């Protein structure tokens, strides 16, 4: 867990970039699913992958 005593600029940047990347990827899945370009099970699988990747990044940075 990141605390006021342990936080670094590198961690802030890494968390920001991880969240921004996850947001953009999720937005892409949302657009594809709204346009019916992908099936619901495919959208769910992609969102789960995005979340797992985000979780891994946050764990590596000590944010979880």
Foldseek 3Di string as FASTA:
>chain_A
DDDPVRDDPVLVVLLVVLVVVLVVQLVVLVVCVVVVVDDPVVSVVSNVVSVVVSVVSCVVSVND
